Amino acid sequence: MNVLEVENVSQSFGGLKVLEGVSFRMEAGERVGLIGPNGAGKTTLIKVLSGHLPCQSGRIHLLGQEVTNMLPHRRTSLGLARSFQINTLFPNLSLLNNVLLAVQGTKPARFQMLRPITAYGDNFARAKELLELVGLWEKRDDLITVLSHGQQRQVEILLALASQPKLLMLDEPSAGLSTAETAGFIDMMHSLTAGTTLFFCAHDMNLVFSLAERVMVLYYGGIIAQGTPKEIQNNPQVREIYLGMQAENAQAS
Protein backbone atom coordinates (compact mmCIF):
# COMPACT_ATOMS: atom_id res chain seq x y z
CA MET A 1 0.00 0.00 0.00
CA ASN A 2 1.23 3.50 -0.86
CA VAL A 3 1.45 5.96 2.01
CA LEU A 4 0.35 8.85 -0.21
CA GLU A 5 -1.45 8.93 -3.57
CA VAL A 6 -2.11 12.23 -5.31
CA GLU A 7 -4.27 12.15 -8.42
CA ASN A 8 -4.70 15.08 -10.80
CA VAL A 9 -4.78 17.78 -8.10
CA SER A 10 -5.41 21.30 -9.41
CA GLN A 11 -5.84 24.57 -7.54
CA SER A 12 -6.62 28.14 -8.58
CA PHE A 13 -6.78 31.52 -6.87
CA GLY A 14 -9.14 33.66 -8.90
CA GLY A 15 -7.98 33.29 -12.48
CA LEU A 16 -4.48 32.18 -11.49
CA LYS A 17 -3.78 28.47 -11.88
CA VAL A 18 -1.38 27.56 -9.05
CA LEU A 19 -1.47 23.76 -9.37
CA GLU A 20 -2.41 21.86 -12.49
CA GLY A 21 -2.85 18.11 -12.74
CA VAL A 22 -0.36 17.16 -10.03
CA SER A 23 -0.09 13.38 -9.64
CA PHE A 24 2.41 11.21 -7.76
CA ARG A 25 2.70 8.37 -5.25
CA MET A 26 4.90 7.72 -2.24
CA GLU A 27 5.89 4.39 -0.76
CA ALA A 28 6.50 3.74 2.94
CA GLY A 29 9.88 5.02 4.08
CA GLU A 30 10.48 7.04 0.92
CA ARG A 31 12.00 10.54 1.06
CA VAL A 32 10.72 12.91 -1.61
CA GLY A 33 11.95 16.48 -2.05
CA LEU A 34 9.99 19.10 -3.99
CA ILE A 35 11.83 21.97 -5.67
CA GLY A 36 10.82 24.83 -7.94
CA PRO A 37 11.13 28.60 -8.27
CA ASN A 38 9.21 31.05 -6.10
CA GLY A 39 5.52 30.96 -6.99
CA ALA A 40 5.70 27.46 -8.45
CA GLY A 41 3.05 26.20 -6.00
CA LYS A 42 5.17 24.22 -3.52
CA THR A 43 3.64 25.58 -0.30
CA THR A 44 0.16 25.48 -1.86
CA LEU A 45 0.61 21.78 -2.62
CA ILE A 46 1.64 21.01 0.96
CA LYS A 47 -1.35 22.98 2.28
CA VAL A 48 -3.71 21.03 0.02
CA LEU A 49 -2.18 17.66 0.93
CA SER A 50 -2.32 18.40 4.67
CA GLY A 51 -5.88 19.76 4.52
CA HIS A 52 -5.02 23.36 5.43
CA LEU A 53 -6.35 24.44 2.03
CA PRO A 54 -9.47 22.83 0.48
CA CYS A 55 -8.71 20.72 -2.58
CA GLN A 56 -10.61 22.14 -5.56
CA SER A 57 -9.98 19.32 -8.00
CA GLY A 58 -8.45 15.85 -7.87
CA ARG A 59 -8.15 13.14 -5.23
CA ILE A 60 -5.81 12.47 -2.31
CA HIS A 61 -5.38 9.14 -0.51
CA LEU A 62 -3.47 8.69 2.73
CA LEU A 63 -2.65 5.11 3.77
CA GLY A 64 -5.36 3.79 1.48
CA GLN A 65 -8.08 6.14 2.74
CA GLU A 66 -9.41 9.04 0.69
CA VAL A 67 -8.75 12.29 2.54
CA THR A 68 -9.49 14.79 -0.24
CA ASN A 69 -12.11 16.65 1.80
CA MET A 70 -10.92 15.61 5.25
CA LEU A 71 -10.06 18.26 7.87
CA PRO A 72 -6.41 18.61 9.00
CA HIS A 73 -6.92 17.12 12.49
CA ARG A 74 -8.49 14.00 11.00
CA ARG A 75 -5.54 13.56 8.64
CA THR A 76 -3.30 13.94 11.67
CA SER A 77 -5.16 11.12 13.41
CA LEU A 78 -4.40 8.91 10.40
CA GLY A 79 -0.69 9.56 10.75
CA LEU A 80 0.15 12.79 8.91
CA ALA A 81 2.28 15.47 10.58
CA ARG A 82 3.66 18.69 9.13
CA SER A 83 5.79 21.68 9.98
CA PHE A 84 5.30 25.20 8.69
CA GLN A 85 7.60 27.64 6.90
CA ILE A 86 7.07 30.15 9.72
CA ASN A 87 7.81 29.26 13.35
CA THR A 88 4.66 27.99 15.13
CA LEU A 89 6.12 27.42 18.61
CA PHE A 90 4.68 28.91 21.82
CA PRO A 91 7.16 31.71 22.63
CA ASN A 92 6.05 32.23 26.25
CA LEU A 93 6.37 28.58 27.24
CA SER A 94 9.50 26.65 28.12
CA LEU A 95 11.10 24.28 25.67
CA LEU A 96 9.95 21.31 27.73
CA ASN A 97 6.33 22.49 27.88
CA ASN A 98 6.29 23.00 24.11
CA VAL A 99 7.37 19.40 23.60
CA LEU A 100 5.02 18.10 26.31
CA LEU A 101 2.06 19.76 24.61
CA ALA A 102 2.97 18.07 21.34
CA VAL A 103 3.35 14.69 23.03
CA GLN A 104 0.07 15.12 24.93
CA GLY A 105 -1.65 16.00 21.67
CA THR A 106 -1.27 12.37 20.68
CA LYS A 107 -3.06 11.15 23.84
CA PRO A 108 -6.79 11.12 24.73
CA ALA A 109 -6.36 12.68 28.21
CA ARG A 110 -6.21 16.45 28.70
CA PHE A 111 -2.93 18.12 29.69
CA GLN A 112 -3.17 20.62 32.59
CA MET A 113 -0.35 23.12 33.04
CA LEU A 114 -0.94 23.50 36.80
CA ARG A 115 -0.33 19.82 37.50
CA PRO A 116 3.30 18.82 38.13
CA ILE A 117 5.09 17.57 35.03
CA THR A 118 5.99 14.34 36.81
CA ALA A 119 2.26 13.50 36.94
CA TYR A 120 2.51 12.76 33.24
CA GLY A 121 5.17 10.06 33.47
CA ASP A 122 4.91 8.64 29.95
CA ASN A 123 4.68 12.09 28.37
CA PHE A 124 7.66 13.32 30.36
CA ALA A 125 9.75 10.32 29.34
CA ARG A 126 8.89 10.80 25.67
CA ALA A 127 9.65 14.53 25.81
CA LYS A 128 12.98 13.84 27.51
CA GLU A 129 13.83 11.25 24.86
CA LEU A 130 13.09 13.68 22.03
CA LEU A 131 15.07 16.55 23.53
CA GLU A 132 18.04 14.31 24.23
CA LEU A 133 18.07 13.25 20.59
CA VAL A 134 19.04 16.79 19.56
CA GLY A 135 21.07 17.65 22.64
CA LEU A 136 18.59 20.17 24.04
CA TRP A 137 17.61 18.47 27.30
CA GLU A 138 19.82 20.82 29.32
CA LYS A 139 17.86 23.76 27.89
CA ARG A 140 14.47 22.28 28.81
CA ASP A 141 13.54 25.13 31.18
CA ASP A 142 14.53 27.91 28.75
CA LEU A 143 11.85 29.91 27.00
CA ILE A 144 11.59 29.24 23.29
CA THR A 145 12.62 32.84 22.60
CA VAL A 146 16.02 32.20 24.21
CA LEU A 147 16.89 29.48 21.69
CA SER A 148 18.72 30.22 18.45
CA HIS A 149 16.77 30.12 15.20
CA GLY A 150 18.46 26.85 14.30
CA GLN A 151 17.48 25.30 17.62
CA GLN A 152 13.89 26.46 17.18
CA ARG A 153 13.76 24.73 13.79
CA GLN A 154 15.04 21.57 15.46
CA VAL A 155 12.28 21.80 18.05
CA GLU A 156 9.63 22.17 15.35
CA ILE A 157 10.79 18.92 13.78
CA LEU A 158 10.65 17.26 17.21
CA LEU A 159 7.07 18.43 17.69
CA ALA A 160 6.09 17.01 14.31
CA LEU A 161 7.78 13.70 15.20
CA ALA A 162 6.17 13.50 18.65
CA SER A 163 3.18 11.63 17.24
CA GLN A 164 5.43 9.12 15.42
CA PRO A 165 3.75 9.97 12.11
CA LYS A 166 3.38 7.66 9.13
CA LEU A 167 4.02 10.66 6.85
CA LEU A 168 5.98 13.80 7.75
CA MET A 169 5.59 16.94 5.61
CA LEU A 170 8.00 19.85 5.94
CA ASP A 171 7.66 23.27 4.34
CA GLU A 172 11.06 24.95 3.88
CA PRO A 173 12.52 23.27 7.00
CA SER A 174 15.89 25.05 6.71
CA ALA A 175 14.46 28.55 6.10
CA GLY A 176 16.60 31.18 7.79
CA LEU A 177 19.43 28.81 8.74
CA SER A 178 23.07 29.63 8.10
CA THR A 179 25.24 27.31 6.00
CA ALA A 180 26.73 25.79 9.15
CA GLU A 181 23.31 25.38 10.77
CA THR A 182 21.96 23.74 7.60
CA ALA A 183 24.79 21.19 7.62
CA GLY A 184 23.94 20.28 11.21
CA PHE A 185 20.24 20.23 10.35
CA ILE A 186 20.85 17.72 7.54
CA ASP A 187 22.71 15.40 9.92
CA MET A 188 19.90 15.73 12.46
CA MET A 189 17.25 14.93 9.86
CA HIS A 190 19.05 11.78 8.75
CA SER A 191 19.16 10.65 12.37
CA LEU A 192 15.65 11.65 13.46
CA THR A 193 13.67 10.63 10.39
CA ALA A 194 15.31 7.29 9.58
CA GLY A 195 12.52 5.03 8.32
CA THR A 196 9.94 7.86 8.29
CA THR A 197 8.14 8.65 5.04
CA LEU A 198 9.19 12.22 4.31
CA PHE A 199 7.81 14.79 1.86
CA PHE A 200 9.36 18.25 1.93
CA CYS A 201 9.85 21.35 -0.18
CA ALA A 202 12.93 23.55 -0.05
CA HIS A 203 14.96 26.11 -1.97
CA ASP A 204 18.25 24.85 -0.56
CA MET A 205 19.50 22.41 -3.20
CA ASN A 206 22.16 20.98 -0.87
CA LEU A 207 19.45 20.09 1.65
CA VAL A 208 17.23 18.53 -1.02
CA PHE A 209 19.95 16.50 -2.70
CA SER A 210 21.32 15.35 0.67
CA LEU A 211 17.98 14.21 2.13
CA ALA A 212 15.79 13.13 -0.78
CA GLU A 213 15.86 9.79 -2.56
CA ARG A 214 13.53 11.19 -5.21
CA VAL A 215 13.24 14.81 -6.30
CA MET A 216 10.23 16.35 -8.06
CA VAL A 217 10.38 19.67 -9.89
CA LEU A 218 7.29 21.89 -9.80
CA TYR A 219 7.12 24.61 -12.44
CA TYR A 220 4.10 26.83 -13.12
CA GLY A 221 1.92 24.45 -11.09
CA GLY A 222 2.89 21.21 -12.79
CA ILE A 223 5.49 18.51 -12.16
CA ILE A 224 7.88 18.73 -15.11
CA ALA A 225 10.50 16.23 -13.92
CA GLN A 226 11.22 13.70 -11.20
CA GLY A 227 14.04 11.29 -10.48
CA THR A 228 17.03 10.68 -8.27
CA PRO A 229 19.03 13.73 -7.15
CA LYS A 230 21.69 12.92 -9.75
CA GLU A 231 19.10 12.58 -12.52
CA ILE A 232 17.55 15.92 -11.61
CA GLN A 233 20.94 17.63 -11.43
CA ASN A 234 21.70 16.40 -14.96
CA ASN A 235 18.23 17.08 -16.40
CA PRO A 236 18.60 19.63 -19.26
CA GLN A 237 15.13 21.14 -18.74
CA VAL A 238 15.71 21.63 -15.01
CA ARG A 239 19.17 23.08 -15.60
CA GLU A 240 17.73 25.49 -18.15
CA ILE A 241 15.06 26.68 -15.71
CA TYR A 242 17.49 27.26 -12.86
CA LEU A 243 20.26 28.70 -15.02
CA GLY A 244 17.70 31.04 -16.56
CA MET A 245 16.58 32.13 -13.09
CA GLN A 246 20.18 32.78 -12.07
CA ALA A 247 20.74 34.90 -15.18
CA GLU A 248 17.60 36.93 -14.47
CA ASN A 249 18.68 37.48 -10.87
CA ALA A 250 22.14 38.57 -11.99
CA GLN A 251 20.66 41.08 -14.43
CA ALA A 252 18.29 42.42 -11.77
CA SER A 253 21.17 43.00 -9.37
Foldseek 3Di string as FASTA:
>chain_A
DFQKWWFQFWDADVPATQAGGATDTHHFQAAEEEEEDPSLNAVVVVCQQQQVDQTPDTWMDGPRHTCNNPHNVVVVLVFEFEFDPDQPFDQVAFLLVRQLVLLCVLPPDDDDPPDDPVVVVVSSVLSCVLCVLLVCNVRRRPGLVVDDPLVSLSSRVSSRCSNVGQEYEYEASCPPPDPVSLVVVLVSCCVPQRRHHYYYYHHPLVSRLSGHQKYFYRGSNYTPDMDGSVCLVPDPVNCCVVVVVVVVVVVVD
